[in-house]
Structures are given as structure tokens and as C-alpha cells.
Amino acid sequence: MGNLRKITLLHSNDMHGDFLPKETDGKESGGLTRLSGYLNRVREEEEYVIYAIAGDMFRGSIIDSEYMGFSTIDLVNNLNPDVTTIGNHEVDYGVAHLLFLEKCAKFPIINANMFVTMNYRRMFRPYINVEIGGLRILFIGILTEEVLDSAKQEKLVGTFIDVEEAAKEVGIICDNYRTVHTDMVVLLTHIGFEKDKKLAELLNPEWGVDLIIGGHSHTFMEQPEYVNDIPIVQAGTGTGIIGRFDISYDIDDHVIDHLEWQCVPVNEDTAPKDPIMEELLDSYRTKTDKKYKRVITRWARKLTHPSREQETEMGNLYADAIQWESSFDIMMMGSGSIRKKELGPVIEYQDVVENTPFDDQIWMVEVTGAQFRRMIQHVLRDEAWTGDTEFYQYSKGVHIVYRKSTHEIETFQFNGEDIRDDQRLKIAFQSYHYLNFDAFLGVPLAEVAKNRKPRMVATSLQNIVEEYFATNNNLDAHVEGRLVILE
């Protein structure tokens, strides 16, 4: 046995403003106060500890949105991560604002494949060497192509848009910056679990990548998945769980001798409260509670949105709310725009803002029945079921039956009648989906625009939802077969 050094590598991803604790099985779990307490405990118990965050610290909390991410940076400063990377929601407040927030961060933010398109200059430092216990660990940050979707109007910003280009960039950095002094190489990614596996397949063993710590797909795992002999891990979503590597590194042979990985629940059994973090969090919460803790309405019951890849109760309610009193026939609401899995029956202003934090404009297009069929066929392609594509909730009147095995739409109706190929339908989308029309819906916007010039029909989704909820009490919704998926 060689000279072994033990390193504890902790990691989070997709915290999405999950700052406050929840009650789970009679125990308080999650929240930044206990997450910070867990980090402090491990840092006291273990000699060499690294903490990494794999993107999407922002969005999901009114504490985040009220301060446009500044509060999140301030709170994460107190978690004291050794390295973080950019997630797609880090650009939600704009790229310029993100660069301002980076200046407020007391921790390093790395990303290798976000660049200025004019001169291909990287916007962030692509890597960092973390030196601990006599070891030098090279971290490289890789982002999902979806940042382009959120930043469509930021014409000067780009990313490498496929896994092959991302793998090539890893090779460039390893060839240039991995030296004889580098002991481990860790990819800190935000591209989703399926793409992490594709990326691992493309990595040249000579580049020496040892681990992939991912995010974006909110994947809960019980053990690492090995591809190309590289362990890939991800720690679900939120602050109620944290990933933990315990690594024994052979200093003499410059190899990992042994590693163990687990996802640790963050609750009152595993994590004490950090009083300093609690005080800081309370200062933000006190300010936001005054504005956001007012009841807007009461629903008939608690409604759910268990998965983005299916028709849901909340999806139907929101799609109907936006189509209500409108000039269009159908609202196609982005499933990912609804952030909570369940909500109600009491709805506070805070719930409205947190559940649909993306306050998009609403755009209307006119399509033929044939174009609408092509759009739905594209949305329901095989990739839809792995979480790699956009998915939609439909307002009342839509009835679509799709069979996965044959890739065929078996029923295609609106208001009880078959949709004819030459029929005209007015369909509305959030601006995020309108700006990415070709990619998300598989029909060129230029083709659709020949039917009728697209136009903005509302400046704020949030205004519509809040008014609908405020003027309608006892709202209810059910899964009723608007979209039926057959195996």
C-alpha cells in the first residue's frame, strides 16, 4: 500500500433558491441553515474537505428573485464553496447582471465553454486548481447548451452547443493546463445526466479525467454510474441532499486508490443548524415576508405537477388561466415553467412568484392544422422522455393521443372535432419558447409567420396569473386526457 491521502469532496447542484427548511416525515430537512451546518461539521471532522456546486444556484425562491440573485450570492458566500460552475438559470437575470454578481462572489466561478461570439474570448475562467493536502485537483466547468435558449437576445454570447465540442474543449484545457503537478481532474458540469454519459464516452483517457460531478437533470442516484471508467454523480435538487465522495489517493503512484460515494440527507439527524447562516437568512426573509406573505386565493384542494413529461393538474390550471379571456385558441405552457410539484389550497403571493418565476411575455402565432401536427410530433419525439427537450401543458379543448411505440398521433382534436390540415389555430407561447420556436417546436417560425404576423398579446405572464387567481376562488383542475401518452 502506498502513501494514501484522504480527501472528502462534497457537492451540490440545482439548489434553485431552496433556502428554507421543509418538514419531511416529522423531521426538519434541507434549507441553507442545515446545509451550512453539515458543511461545518464535515470540515471539523475531516482534515481535507472540498465543496463544489454544479450550477443553478438561482431561481425558485422569492428571496432570490426579489434581489435578482444578489441575496443568493451573499448566502452562498457563507457556504464558502471551493469552486462553482454556471448553470443555465444563472443567466436568467441577463449576462451583464451575472458578470456583476460574479464580482460579488467570494468563491471562484468557472466555465470553459461560454464565450463572446465576436472574438471567441471566454467569459469566465475555464478551470481552477484546488490545492489541498499536498494534492492539486484540476476542476473544469462545462455548461448546457440551453444557456443559449435563455439568452437568445444576447447576440454576443454563445456556448459550444454539443457534447462533441464540449469534449474537445476539455481536451484543450487538459493538454494545456494539466501538468505533472496535477493529481486529479474533475469535470463540474451542468449538461444533464444523459449528456454527462455521452461526454464521458468521448473523453480520451490520456486527458486524465477522474470524476464527473453533474447537474441540470435533477437526477437522484444511489451509486455512481461508470462510463469509460469515469464515475458520474449528481445530487438531485435542492438543499435537502448533498453528494459526498470519500477518496483515498495514492500520492506515490498518482492514482485514486479507492473511492466511496453517497448522497447524504441534510436533516436534523445529520446536520446541526448554523446560527450565523440562520441570522443572515432571517434578515432576507423578514424583508420579503412583508411583501409576499399575503393570501391571493384559496384553491378547492392541493394540486400537483409531479412530472414535466405528462399532463398535470397544475399545468391545466395555469394553461387555462392564460387562455382565459384571450384572443387565442390554445395556450401551450412550458412544463418547466411550473416549479413546484404540489401547491395549495391556500395561495399566497409568494407561491405565485415562486411557482412561475419566469415572468415572460406571451406571443401568439397562427398555424395550420398540418403545422400544429408537425409541432406536436416534434415535441413528443423520443428525447422528450429523457428530460432533454421542452414539454408542454395545453389549455382546455385539446385532446391528443400519442403512441410511443409507433411514434404516431392517434387522436388529434380541438373542441371535440378532428383538427383538419387546412384548419387555422391561434396558439400562444411564452417568449422563451417563441424565441426558440424552430428548435423547440420543429417548424420554422418563418414558415408560420407567413400565415399571420406573430404578435405579443401580453407583456407579463405573472400579471395574468395573479389576476386570474385573485378574481377566482375555489379553483380546481384535473388530469382529463388533454394529452394521453400510450406505450
Protein backbone atom coordinates (compact mmCIF):
# COMPACT_ATOMS: atom_id res chain seq x y z
CA MET A 1 0.00 0.00 0.00
CA GLY A 2 1.35 3.42 -0.99
CA ASN A 3 1.24 6.73 0.81
CA LEU A 4 -2.51 7.45 0.97
CA ARG A 5 -4.17 10.82 1.42
CA LYS A 6 -7.89 11.02 2.26
CA ILE A 7 -9.92 13.75 0.55
CA THR A 8 -13.62 14.43 1.21
CA LEU A 9 -15.29 16.02 -1.81
CA LEU A 10 -18.81 17.35 -1.15
CA HIS A 11 -21.07 18.64 -3.92
CA SER A 12 -24.49 20.23 -4.55
CA ASN A 13 -26.35 21.12 -7.73
CA ASP A 14 -29.62 22.79 -8.74
CA MET A 15 -30.30 24.39 -5.36
CA HIS A 16 -32.78 26.73 -7.10
CA GLY A 17 -33.26 29.06 -4.17
CA ASP A 18 -34.24 26.18 -1.85
CA PHE A 19 -33.15 28.24 1.15
CA LEU A 20 -35.74 27.38 3.79
CA PRO A 21 -36.24 24.06 5.61
CA LYS A 22 -39.15 21.71 5.00
CA GLU A 23 -40.97 19.22 7.20
CA THR A 24 -40.32 15.65 5.97
CA ASP A 25 -41.57 12.61 7.94
CA GLY A 26 -41.82 14.73 11.06
CA LYS A 27 -38.24 15.98 10.69
CA GLU A 28 -36.92 19.30 9.53
CA SER A 29 -34.87 18.77 6.39
CA GLY A 30 -32.94 20.92 3.96
CA GLY A 31 -32.53 24.68 3.99
CA LEU A 32 -29.31 26.65 3.96
CA THR A 33 -29.06 26.74 7.75
CA ARG A 34 -28.70 22.95 7.98
CA LEU A 35 -26.70 22.64 4.74
CA SER A 36 -24.20 25.10 6.19
CA GLY A 37 -24.28 23.15 9.46
CA TYR A 38 -23.47 19.92 7.62
CA LEU A 39 -20.57 21.55 5.77
CA ASN A 40 -19.21 22.97 9.03
CA ARG A 41 -19.50 19.57 10.73
CA VAL A 42 -17.64 17.71 7.97
CA ARG A 43 -14.97 20.42 7.83
CA GLU A 44 -14.40 19.90 11.55
CA GLU A 45 -14.40 16.09 11.34
CA GLU A 46 -12.24 15.64 8.22
CA GLU A 47 -8.81 17.11 7.57
CA TYR A 48 -9.12 17.78 3.83
CA VAL A 49 -12.54 18.86 2.54
CA ILE A 50 -13.58 20.40 -0.79
CA TYR A 51 -17.09 21.72 -1.54
CA ALA A 52 -18.24 22.19 -5.16
CA ILE A 53 -21.55 23.44 -6.67
CA ALA A 54 -22.53 22.28 -10.17
CA GLY A 55 -24.75 25.17 -11.25
CA ASP A 56 -28.29 26.57 -10.87
CA MET A 57 -27.99 28.26 -7.52
CA PHE A 58 -30.57 30.83 -8.74
CA ARG A 59 -34.36 30.82 -9.23
CA GLY A 60 -37.17 29.17 -7.28
CA SER A 61 -37.29 31.48 -4.26
CA ILE A 62 -38.65 34.98 -3.73
CA ILE A 63 -35.52 35.67 -1.68
CA ASP A 64 -33.57 35.07 -4.89
CA SER A 65 -35.89 36.86 -7.32
CA GLU A 66 -36.55 39.92 -5.12
CA TYR A 67 -32.82 40.68 -5.04
CA MET A 68 -32.09 39.39 -8.57
CA GLY A 69 -29.60 36.81 -7.32
CA PHE A 70 -27.54 39.14 -5.11
CA SER A 71 -29.05 37.54 -1.99
CA THR A 72 -28.13 34.10 -3.34
CA ILE A 73 -24.51 35.12 -3.90
CA ASP A 74 -24.41 36.59 -0.38
CA LEU A 75 -25.83 33.40 1.15
CA VAL A 76 -23.57 31.08 -0.89
CA ASN A 77 -20.57 33.18 0.16
CA ASN A 78 -21.32 31.92 3.65
CA LEU A 79 -21.33 28.29 2.45
CA ASN A 80 -17.76 29.04 1.29
CA PRO A 81 -17.55 26.67 -1.72
CA ASP A 82 -14.12 25.99 -3.18
CA VAL A 83 -15.43 26.00 -6.74
CA THR A 84 -18.74 26.53 -8.58
CA THR A 85 -19.83 26.43 -12.20
CA ILE A 86 -22.52 28.23 -14.22
CA GLY A 87 -25.95 26.67 -14.71
CA ASN A 88 -28.49 27.71 -17.32
CA HIS A 89 -30.53 29.67 -14.73
CA GLU A 90 -27.52 31.76 -13.75
CA VAL A 91 -28.19 33.83 -16.90
CA ASP A 92 -31.89 34.41 -16.16
CA TYR A 93 -31.25 37.97 -14.98
CA GLY A 94 -29.08 38.69 -18.02
CA VAL A 95 -25.44 38.02 -18.82
CA ALA A 96 -24.30 41.51 -17.81
CA HIS A 97 -26.01 41.08 -14.42
CA LEU A 98 -24.33 37.68 -13.99
CA LEU A 99 -20.93 39.29 -14.54
CA PHE A 100 -21.82 41.83 -11.84
CA LEU A 101 -22.83 39.03 -9.47
CA GLU A 102 -19.54 37.27 -10.18
CA LYS A 103 -17.78 40.34 -8.78
CA CYS A 104 -19.83 39.95 -5.58
CA ALA A 105 -18.89 36.28 -5.18
CA LYS A 106 -16.10 35.38 -2.77
CA PHE A 107 -15.83 31.97 -4.42
CA PRO A 108 -14.49 31.04 -7.88
CA ILE A 109 -16.96 30.55 -10.74
CA ILE A 110 -15.58 28.52 -13.65
CA ASN A 111 -16.87 27.79 -17.13
CA ALA A 112 -14.93 26.66 -20.18
CA ASN A 113 -17.48 26.99 -22.96
CA MET A 114 -19.34 30.27 -22.59
CA PHE A 115 -17.73 32.90 -24.80
CA VAL A 116 -18.14 36.22 -26.60
CA THR A 117 -19.02 35.38 -30.19
CA MET A 118 -17.13 38.33 -31.71
CA ASN A 119 -13.68 37.13 -30.68
CA TYR A 120 -14.36 33.74 -29.01
CA ARG A 121 -12.94 35.04 -25.76
CA ARG A 122 -14.12 33.01 -22.77
CA MET A 123 -16.39 34.90 -20.37
CA PHE A 124 -15.18 33.05 -17.29
CA ARG A 125 -12.07 31.34 -16.10
CA PRO A 126 -12.34 27.84 -17.62
CA TYR A 127 -10.68 25.92 -14.80
CA ILE A 128 -9.21 26.21 -11.34
CA ASN A 129 -6.59 24.23 -9.46
CA VAL A 130 -7.68 23.47 -5.90
CA GLU A 131 -4.65 22.58 -3.78
CA ILE A 132 -5.37 20.60 -0.64
CA GLY A 133 -3.42 18.11 1.46
CA GLY A 134 -0.45 18.28 -0.89
CA LEU A 135 -2.71 17.40 -3.86
CA ARG A 136 -3.56 19.54 -6.86
CA ILE A 137 -7.07 18.96 -8.25
CA LEU A 138 -7.99 20.50 -11.62
CA PHE A 139 -11.68 21.44 -11.92
CA ILE A 140 -13.14 22.29 -15.37
CA GLY A 141 -16.63 23.85 -15.77
CA ILE A 142 -18.94 22.80 -18.64
CA LEU A 143 -22.41 24.28 -19.32
CA THR A 144 -25.56 23.02 -21.03
CA GLU A 145 -26.36 24.37 -24.46
CA GLU A 146 -29.67 25.61 -23.02
CA VAL A 147 -27.98 28.80 -21.83
CA LEU A 148 -28.41 29.89 -25.45
CA ASP A 149 -32.17 29.44 -25.07
CA SER A 150 -32.37 31.76 -22.06
CA ALA A 151 -30.02 34.31 -23.60
CA LYS A 152 -31.37 34.34 -27.15
CA GLN A 153 -31.35 38.13 -27.27
CA GLU A 154 -27.75 38.27 -26.06
CA LYS A 155 -26.34 38.02 -29.57
CA LEU A 156 -22.74 38.42 -28.38
CA VAL A 157 -22.88 35.36 -26.14
CA GLY A 158 -22.51 31.73 -27.18
CA THR A 159 -21.61 28.28 -25.94
CA PHE A 160 -20.32 25.17 -27.62
CA ILE A 161 -23.67 23.65 -28.41
CA ASP A 162 -22.97 19.93 -28.47
CA VAL A 163 -21.24 17.32 -26.37
CA GLU A 164 -18.55 16.70 -29.01
CA GLU A 165 -17.42 20.33 -28.87
CA ALA A 166 -17.52 20.27 -25.06
CA ALA A 167 -15.32 17.15 -25.04
CA LYS A 168 -12.88 18.83 -27.40
CA GLU A 169 -12.72 21.83 -25.04
CA VAL A 170 -11.94 19.51 -22.10
CA GLY A 171 -9.08 18.09 -24.17
CA ILE A 172 -7.74 21.57 -24.94
CA ILE A 173 -7.71 22.53 -21.27
CA CYS A 174 -6.17 19.23 -20.15
CA ASP A 175 -3.47 19.42 -22.84
CA ASN A 176 -2.61 22.99 -21.86
CA TYR A 177 -3.11 23.14 -18.11
CA ARG A 178 -2.87 19.59 -16.77
CA THR A 179 0.73 19.21 -15.66
CA VAL A 180 2.91 16.75 -13.78
CA HIS A 181 1.70 18.52 -10.64
CA THR A 182 -1.96 17.68 -11.38
CA ASP A 183 -3.18 14.78 -9.24
CA MET A 184 -6.88 14.64 -10.21
CA VAL A 185 -9.12 16.12 -12.92
CA VAL A 186 -12.80 16.75 -12.10
CA LEU A 187 -15.42 17.94 -14.60
CA LEU A 188 -18.02 20.15 -12.92
CA THR A 189 -20.83 20.08 -15.45
CA HIS A 190 -24.34 21.40 -15.94
CA ILE A 191 -25.45 19.46 -19.00
CA GLY A 192 -27.74 16.75 -17.54
CA PHE A 193 -27.08 13.11 -16.67
CA GLU A 194 -27.64 11.64 -20.16
CA LYS A 195 -25.24 14.12 -21.73
CA ASP A 196 -22.72 13.52 -18.93
CA LYS A 197 -22.67 9.88 -20.04
CA LYS A 198 -22.18 10.87 -23.69
CA LEU A 199 -19.42 13.27 -22.68
CA ALA A 200 -17.64 10.55 -20.68
CA GLU A 201 -17.67 8.27 -23.73
CA LEU A 202 -15.87 10.93 -25.77
CA LEU A 203 -13.09 11.68 -23.28
CA ASN A 204 -9.62 10.48 -24.22
CA PRO A 205 -8.17 8.52 -21.28
CA GLU A 206 -4.92 10.45 -21.81
CA TRP A 207 -6.68 13.60 -20.63
CA GLY A 208 -6.85 12.02 -17.17
CA VAL A 209 -10.43 12.90 -16.19
CA ASP A 210 -11.16 11.14 -12.90
CA LEU A 211 -14.69 12.27 -11.95
CA ILE A 212 -17.75 13.97 -13.43
CA ILE A 213 -19.94 15.90 -10.97
CA GLY A 214 -23.10 16.99 -12.78
CA GLY A 215 -26.32 18.95 -12.58
CA HIS A 216 -29.30 20.19 -14.62
CA SER A 217 -31.37 16.98 -14.88
CA HIS A 218 -32.09 16.84 -11.10
CA THR A 219 -31.06 13.18 -11.04
CA PHE A 220 -31.24 11.35 -7.71
CA MET A 221 -28.73 8.49 -7.56
CA GLU A 222 -27.89 5.72 -5.11
CA GLN A 223 -24.47 4.99 -6.59
CA PRO A 224 -22.16 6.41 -9.27
CA GLU A 225 -22.65 5.39 -12.89
CA TYR A 226 -19.36 4.43 -14.56
CA VAL A 227 -18.79 5.30 -18.22
CA ASN A 228 -15.33 4.95 -19.76
CA ASP A 229 -14.16 4.07 -16.20
CA ILE A 230 -15.22 7.54 -15.01
CA PRO A 231 -17.72 7.76 -12.13
CA ILE A 232 -20.59 10.18 -12.88
CA VAL A 233 -22.65 11.55 -9.99
CA GLN A 234 -25.39 14.08 -9.31
CA ALA A 235 -27.18 15.08 -6.11
CA GLY A 236 -30.82 15.51 -7.12
CA THR A 237 -32.05 19.03 -6.49
CA GLY A 238 -32.46 21.46 -3.61
CA THR A 239 -30.66 21.64 -0.26
CA GLY A 240 -32.15 18.53 1.38
CA ILE A 241 -29.38 16.31 -0.01
CA ILE A 242 -25.65 16.59 -0.61
CA GLY A 243 -23.27 14.35 -2.56
CA ARG A 244 -20.18 13.05 -0.78
CA PHE A 245 -17.02 11.42 -2.12
CA ASP A 246 -14.55 9.90 0.34
CA ILE A 247 -11.41 9.42 -1.73
CA SER A 248 -8.16 7.66 -0.82
CA TYR A 249 -5.45 8.96 -3.13
CA ASP A 250 -2.12 7.18 -3.59
CA ILE A 251 0.41 10.01 -3.56
CA ASP A 252 3.32 7.80 -4.68
CA ASP A 253 1.56 6.31 -7.73
CA HIS A 254 -0.56 9.43 -8.50
CA VAL A 255 -3.83 7.45 -8.72
CA ILE A 256 -7.09 7.14 -6.83
CA ASP A 257 -6.63 4.04 -4.70
CA HIS A 258 -10.26 3.84 -3.54
CA LEU A 259 -13.38 5.96 -3.52
CA GLU A 260 -16.80 5.77 -1.95
CA TRP A 261 -19.77 7.95 -2.85
CA GLN A 262 -23.13 8.52 -1.24
CA CYS A 263 -25.94 11.05 -1.18
CA VAL A 264 -26.38 12.25 2.38
CA PRO A 265 -29.77 13.60 3.54
CA VAL A 266 -29.46 17.02 5.15
CA ASN A 267 -31.78 16.97 8.16
CA GLU A 268 -31.82 17.30 11.94
CA ASP A 269 -30.18 13.85 12.29
CA THR A 270 -27.18 14.66 10.07
CA ALA A 271 -26.78 18.42 10.28
CA PRO A 272 -26.87 20.96 13.12
CA LYS A 273 -28.14 24.46 12.40
CA ASP A 274 -25.57 27.14 11.61
CA PRO A 275 -26.63 30.19 13.69
CA ILE A 276 -24.66 32.63 11.50
CA MET A 277 -26.40 31.44 8.34
CA GLU A 278 -29.76 31.47 10.14
CA GLU A 279 -29.28 35.10 11.13
CA LEU A 280 -28.35 36.12 7.57
CA LEU A 281 -31.25 34.15 6.08
CA ASP A 282 -33.70 35.69 8.58
CA SER A 283 -32.61 39.19 7.57
CA TYR A 284 -33.65 38.49 3.97
CA ARG A 285 -36.78 36.56 4.94
CA THR A 286 -38.05 39.34 7.23
CA LYS A 287 -37.91 41.82 4.35
CA THR A 288 -39.60 39.56 1.81
CA ASP A 289 -42.30 38.27 4.17
CA LYS A 290 -43.80 41.75 4.48
CA LYS A 291 -44.33 41.90 0.73
CA TYR A 292 -45.08 38.30 -0.18
CA LYS A 293 -46.96 36.70 2.75
CA ARG A 294 -50.45 37.79 1.68
CA VAL A 295 -53.19 35.39 0.62
CA ILE A 296 -54.21 35.74 -3.05
CA THR A 297 -56.83 32.97 -3.21
CA ARG A 298 -57.81 29.54 -1.99
CA TRP A 299 -57.99 26.58 -4.34
CA ALA A 300 -60.53 23.81 -3.87
CA ARG A 301 -57.68 21.47 -2.88
CA LYS A 302 -53.97 20.87 -3.22
CA LEU A 303 -52.97 20.50 -6.90
CA THR A 304 -49.95 18.62 -8.24
CA HIS A 305 -47.36 18.84 -11.02
CA PRO A 306 -45.44 15.59 -10.39
CA SER A 307 -43.55 15.42 -13.70
CA ARG A 308 -42.92 17.80 -16.56
CA GLU A 309 -43.34 14.99 -19.14
CA GLN A 310 -47.08 14.47 -18.62
CA GLU A 311 -50.37 16.35 -18.37
CA THR A 312 -50.75 17.65 -14.80
CA GLU A 313 -53.40 19.29 -12.65
CA MET A 314 -51.41 22.47 -12.15
CA GLY A 315 -50.39 22.51 -15.81
CA ASN A 316 -54.05 22.51 -16.86
CA LEU A 317 -54.92 25.23 -14.35
CA TYR A 318 -52.13 27.54 -15.50
CA ALA A 319 -52.68 26.93 -19.23
CA ASP A 320 -56.40 27.68 -18.75
CA ALA A 321 -55.63 30.80 -16.71
CA ILE A 322 -53.54 32.26 -19.50
CA GLN A 323 -56.03 31.28 -22.24
CA TRP A 324 -58.93 32.76 -20.20
CA GLU A 325 -60.41 35.91 -21.79
CA SER A 326 -57.73 35.75 -24.51
CA SER A 327 -57.60 36.30 -28.26
CA PHE A 328 -56.09 32.88 -28.97
CA ASP A 329 -57.43 29.32 -29.11
CA ILE A 330 -54.74 27.33 -27.29
CA MET A 331 -52.09 28.10 -24.69
CA MET A 332 -49.03 25.83 -24.81
CA MET A 333 -47.48 26.37 -21.38
CA GLY A 334 -43.90 25.25 -20.86
CA SER A 335 -43.96 22.40 -18.31
CA GLY A 336 -40.64 23.52 -16.88
CA SER A 337 -42.10 26.96 -16.10
CA ILE A 338 -44.06 25.41 -13.23
CA ARG A 339 -41.51 24.85 -10.48
CA LYS A 340 -43.41 23.22 -7.60
CA LYS A 341 -44.61 19.61 -7.55
CA GLU A 342 -47.61 20.49 -5.39
CA LEU A 343 -49.31 23.68 -4.22
CA GLY A 344 -52.38 24.86 -2.31
CA PRO A 345 -55.04 25.03 -1.18
CA VAL A 346 -54.06 28.42 0.33
CA ILE A 347 -52.17 30.50 -2.26
CA GLU A 348 -50.03 33.40 -1.11
CA TYR A 349 -48.39 35.97 -3.38
CA GLN A 350 -45.10 34.21 -2.58
CA ASP A 351 -46.47 30.96 -4.06
CA VAL A 352 -47.47 32.72 -7.28
CA VAL A 353 -44.00 34.20 -7.77
CA GLU A 354 -42.07 31.07 -6.77
CA ASN A 355 -44.17 28.63 -8.79
CA THR A 356 -43.84 30.55 -12.08
CA PRO A 357 -40.72 32.68 -11.57
CA PHE A 358 -40.15 33.35 -15.30
CA ASP A 359 -42.29 36.41 -15.98
CA ASP A 360 -42.39 36.04 -19.76
CA GLN A 361 -44.28 37.96 -22.39
CA ILE A 362 -46.97 35.96 -24.23
CA TRP A 363 -46.72 35.64 -28.03
CA MET A 364 -49.43 34.45 -30.42
CA VAL A 365 -48.85 32.69 -33.73
CA GLU A 366 -51.32 31.32 -36.25
CA VAL A 367 -50.67 27.80 -37.55
CA THR A 368 -52.40 25.37 -39.87
CA GLY A 369 -53.61 22.05 -38.55
CA ALA A 370 -50.81 20.35 -40.51
CA GLN A 371 -48.18 22.61 -38.93
CA PHE A 372 -49.65 22.02 -35.47
CA ARG A 373 -49.43 18.26 -36.03
CA ARG A 374 -45.73 18.59 -37.01
CA MET A 375 -45.12 20.66 -33.88
CA ILE A 376 -46.69 18.07 -31.59
CA GLN A 377 -44.87 15.24 -33.38
CA HIS A 378 -41.58 17.06 -32.71
CA VAL A 379 -42.37 17.82 -29.06
CA LEU A 380 -43.23 14.15 -28.40
CA ARG A 381 -40.13 12.66 -30.06
CA ASP A 382 -38.13 10.03 -28.13
CA GLU A 383 -35.84 12.58 -26.46
CA ALA A 384 -38.89 14.05 -24.67
CA TRP A 385 -38.95 11.17 -22.19
CA THR A 386 -35.33 11.66 -21.02
CA GLY A 387 -35.88 15.28 -19.97
CA ASP A 388 -33.68 16.63 -22.77
CA THR A 389 -36.40 18.60 -24.59
CA GLU A 390 -39.15 21.10 -23.89
CA PHE A 391 -42.58 19.75 -22.95
CA TYR A 392 -45.95 21.49 -22.78
CA GLN A 393 -49.22 21.75 -20.89
CA TYR A 394 -52.30 22.51 -23.01
CA SER A 395 -55.36 24.67 -22.32
CA LYS A 396 -58.90 23.27 -22.46
CA GLY A 397 -60.30 21.85 -25.69
CA VAL A 398 -57.13 20.00 -26.73
CA HIS A 399 -57.27 16.19 -26.97
CA ILE A 400 -54.15 14.45 -28.27
CA VAL A 401 -53.43 10.71 -28.05
CA TYR A 402 -49.86 9.69 -28.93
CA ARG A 403 -48.37 6.19 -29.06
CA LYS A 404 -44.65 5.95 -28.22
CA SER A 405 -44.04 2.60 -29.89
CA THR A 406 -45.25 3.73 -33.33
CA HIS A 407 -44.44 7.45 -32.94
CA GLU A 408 -47.94 8.21 -34.21
CA ILE A 409 -50.61 10.71 -33.16
CA GLU A 410 -53.74 8.55 -32.96
CA THR A 411 -56.18 11.26 -31.90
CA PHE A 412 -55.79 14.95 -32.78
CA GLN A 413 -58.78 17.07 -31.75
CA PHE A 414 -59.79 20.53 -30.62
CA ASN A 415 -63.16 21.23 -29.02
CA GLY A 416 -64.31 17.68 -29.80
CA GLU A 417 -63.60 17.76 -33.54
CA ASP A 418 -60.69 16.37 -35.55
CA ILE A 419 -58.18 19.05 -36.50
CA ARG A 420 -58.08 19.39 -40.29
CA ASP A 421 -54.78 20.03 -42.08
CA ASP A 422 -56.11 23.29 -43.56
CA GLN A 423 -57.66 24.49 -40.28
CA ARG A 424 -56.22 27.66 -38.71
CA LEU A 425 -55.44 27.77 -34.99
CA LYS A 426 -54.15 30.67 -32.90
CA ILE A 427 -51.62 29.32 -30.39
CA ALA A 428 -49.80 31.22 -27.65
CA PHE A 429 -46.37 30.66 -26.10
CA GLN A 430 -44.16 32.30 -23.52
CA SER A 431 -41.41 34.45 -25.05
CA TYR A 432 -38.74 31.89 -24.07
CA HIS A 433 -40.44 29.33 -26.31
CA TYR A 434 -41.29 31.84 -29.03
CA LEU A 435 -37.62 32.94 -29.24
CA ASN A 436 -36.60 29.28 -29.61
CA PHE A 437 -39.52 28.31 -31.85
CA ASP A 438 -37.57 26.41 -34.53
CA ALA A 439 -35.60 24.26 -32.06
CA PHE A 440 -38.38 23.60 -29.54
CA LEU A 441 -41.26 23.03 -31.98
CA GLY A 442 -39.58 21.66 -35.10
CA VAL A 443 -41.34 24.02 -37.52
CA PRO A 444 -39.59 27.17 -38.79
CA LEU A 445 -41.06 30.35 -37.33
CA ALA A 446 -40.54 31.96 -40.75
CA GLU A 447 -42.93 29.41 -42.24
CA VAL A 448 -45.57 30.03 -39.57
CA ALA A 449 -45.19 33.81 -39.88
CA LYS A 450 -46.46 33.58 -43.48
CA ASN A 451 -49.89 32.62 -42.13
CA ARG A 452 -50.09 35.72 -39.96
CA LYS A 453 -47.52 38.02 -38.41
CA PRO A 454 -46.77 36.82 -34.85
CA ARG A 455 -47.61 39.35 -32.18
CA MET A 456 -47.17 39.88 -28.49
CA VAL A 457 -50.53 39.63 -26.77
CA ALA A 458 -49.45 40.17 -23.14
CA THR A 459 -46.43 41.76 -21.51
CA SER A 460 -46.48 39.67 -18.33
CA LEU A 461 -47.48 36.06 -17.62
CA GLN A 462 -47.38 36.90 -13.91
CA ASN A 463 -49.93 39.70 -14.32
CA ILE A 464 -52.38 37.28 -15.96
CA VAL A 465 -51.90 34.53 -13.40
CA GLU A 466 -52.18 36.84 -10.40
CA GLU A 467 -55.36 38.49 -11.71
CA TYR A 468 -56.93 35.12 -12.57
CA PHE A 469 -56.21 33.75 -9.11
CA ALA A 470 -57.31 36.94 -7.34
CA THR A 471 -60.67 37.01 -9.15
CA ASN A 472 -61.44 33.27 -8.97
CA ASN A 473 -61.81 31.46 -5.67
CA ASN A 474 -62.09 27.70 -5.16
CA LEU A 475 -60.24 26.90 -8.41
CA ASP A 476 -59.79 23.24 -9.25
CA ALA A 477 -58.24 21.24 -12.09
CA HIS A 478 -57.94 17.59 -13.04
CA VAL A 479 -55.95 15.47 -15.46
CA GLU A 480 -58.61 14.92 -18.10
CA GLY A 481 -56.90 13.47 -21.19
CA ARG A 482 -55.75 16.63 -22.95
CA LEU A 483 -52.53 14.74 -23.65
CA VAL A 484 -52.63 10.93 -23.45
CA ILE A 485 -49.39 9.00 -23.93
CA LEU A 486 -49.70 5.31 -24.82
CA GLU A 487 -46.73 2.92 -24.66
